[in-house]
Amino acid sequence: MFSDHILGDNSKIIDAVVDVTNPFEITTFAPQSRDSKYNDRFDYPQLLRLSTPNDVYADAIVSLLVRFLWHYVSVVYESSPQMINVYQELKIKSNFLGIEKKIY
């Protein structure tokens, strides 16, 4: 009998459910999960997401910065786990391209 689980975007809950469901190859549906750590298909082979991962979101922002030749930007974000992950991805991608940031 195939069963699945629908979750929100809380990574602690997703991790706990995936720890139980992965060995049984049960699909876990987390439509709002954007955390980049879930991009690893080896660790999360049965996790189904519909939202754009944070690393893709950050890549789009950096692409706009590059397109408009911005080399110095200010970053303002809320201290939620979701936004912290977006900022971390943005920092990685912008450092690679030499874009300087001011953090607020």
Protein backbone atom coordinates (compact mmCIF):
# COMPACT_ATOMS: atom_id res chain seq x y z
CA MET A 1 0.00 0.00 0.00
CA PHE A 2 1.45 3.37 -1.05
CA SER A 3 1.12 6.25 1.37
CA ASP A 4 2.38 9.80 1.37
CA HIS A 5 2.70 12.71 3.76
CA ILE A 6 2.05 16.41 3.17
CA LEU A 7 4.19 18.86 5.13
CA GLY A 8 4.77 22.61 5.38
CA ASP A 9 8.17 24.29 5.33
CA ASN A 10 9.46 23.56 8.85
CA SER A 11 12.77 21.77 8.29
CA LYS A 12 12.75 20.07 11.72
CA ILE A 13 9.43 18.41 10.91
CA ILE A 14 10.50 17.56 7.36
CA ASP A 15 13.75 15.99 8.59
CA ALA A 16 11.91 13.91 11.21
CA VAL A 17 9.32 12.63 8.74
CA VAL A 18 11.91 11.92 6.03
CA ASP A 19 14.02 9.93 8.50
CA VAL A 20 11.05 7.60 8.96
CA THR A 21 9.66 7.54 5.40
CA ASN A 22 12.87 7.29 3.31
CA PRO A 23 13.78 3.71 4.30
CA PHE A 24 10.30 2.61 3.20
CA GLU A 25 10.47 4.64 -0.03
CA ILE A 26 7.39 6.63 0.95
CA THR A 27 7.03 9.97 -0.81
CA THR A 28 6.94 13.05 1.39
CA PHE A 29 5.26 16.08 -0.18
CA ALA A 30 6.53 19.41 1.15
CA PRO A 31 5.10 22.02 -1.27
CA GLN A 32 6.42 25.07 0.60
CA SER A 33 9.90 23.77 1.40
CA ARG A 34 12.58 25.97 -0.18
CA ASP A 35 15.64 25.20 1.95
CA SER A 36 18.64 24.44 -0.27
CA LYS A 37 19.68 21.43 1.76
CA TYR A 38 16.74 19.53 0.25
CA ASN A 39 18.31 19.84 -3.22
CA ASP A 40 20.45 16.78 -2.41
CA ARG A 41 18.57 13.93 -4.07
CA PHE A 42 20.82 11.34 -2.45
CA ASP A 43 19.78 12.39 1.08
CA TYR A 44 16.18 13.23 0.13
CA PRO A 45 15.22 10.91 -2.74
CA GLN A 46 11.52 10.72 -1.85
CA LEU A 47 10.98 14.41 -1.06
CA LEU A 48 8.69 16.18 -3.52
CA ARG A 49 8.72 19.99 -3.55
CA LEU A 50 6.85 22.50 -5.69
CA SER A 51 8.45 25.78 -4.64
CA THR A 52 11.63 27.21 -6.11
CA PRO A 53 14.66 26.24 -3.99
CA ASN A 54 16.47 29.08 -2.25
CA ASP A 55 19.65 28.63 -4.25
CA VAL A 56 17.73 29.15 -7.51
CA TYR A 57 15.99 32.20 -5.99
CA ALA A 58 19.37 33.66 -4.93
CA ASP A 59 20.83 32.91 -8.36
CA ALA A 60 18.03 34.91 -9.97
CA ILE A 61 18.76 37.89 -7.70
CA VAL A 62 22.48 37.74 -8.47
CA SER A 63 21.72 37.47 -12.20
CA LEU A 64 19.79 40.74 -11.97
CA LEU A 65 22.67 42.39 -10.13
CA VAL A 66 25.11 41.26 -12.82
CA ARG A 67 22.74 42.26 -15.64
CA PHE A 68 22.47 45.82 -14.34
CA LEU A 69 26.20 45.98 -13.44
CA TRP A 70 25.63 46.49 -9.72
CA HIS A 71 28.80 45.73 -7.77
CA TYR A 72 27.75 47.01 -4.35
CA VAL A 73 24.39 46.18 -2.77
CA SER A 74 22.67 46.31 0.63
CA VAL A 75 20.85 43.25 1.91
CA VAL A 76 17.92 43.57 4.31
CA TYR A 77 16.23 40.37 5.42
CA GLU A 78 14.22 38.99 8.31
CA SER A 79 15.87 36.51 10.66
CA SER A 80 13.63 33.57 9.80
CA PRO A 81 15.32 30.27 8.84
CA GLN A 82 13.93 30.65 5.31
CA MET A 83 15.44 34.10 4.75
CA ILE A 84 18.72 33.20 6.45
CA ASN A 85 19.10 30.35 3.96
CA VAL A 86 18.33 32.70 1.04
CA TYR A 87 20.95 35.14 2.36
CA GLN A 88 23.55 32.37 2.72
CA GLU A 89 22.95 31.30 -0.88
CA LEU A 90 23.04 34.93 -2.04
CA LYS A 91 26.34 35.47 -0.20
CA ILE A 92 27.94 32.42 -1.86
CA LYS A 93 26.83 33.40 -5.36
CA SER A 94 27.64 37.11 -5.04
CA ASN A 95 31.09 36.47 -3.52
CA PHE A 96 31.91 34.30 -6.51
CA LEU A 97 31.11 37.24 -8.82
CA GLY A 98 32.83 39.91 -6.71
CA ILE A 99 29.68 41.72 -5.58
CA GLU A 100 30.09 43.47 -2.23
CA LYS A 101 27.24 43.48 0.31
CA LYS A 102 26.20 45.59 3.24
CA ILE A 103 24.08 43.63 5.75
CA TYR A 104 21.21 45.12 7.73
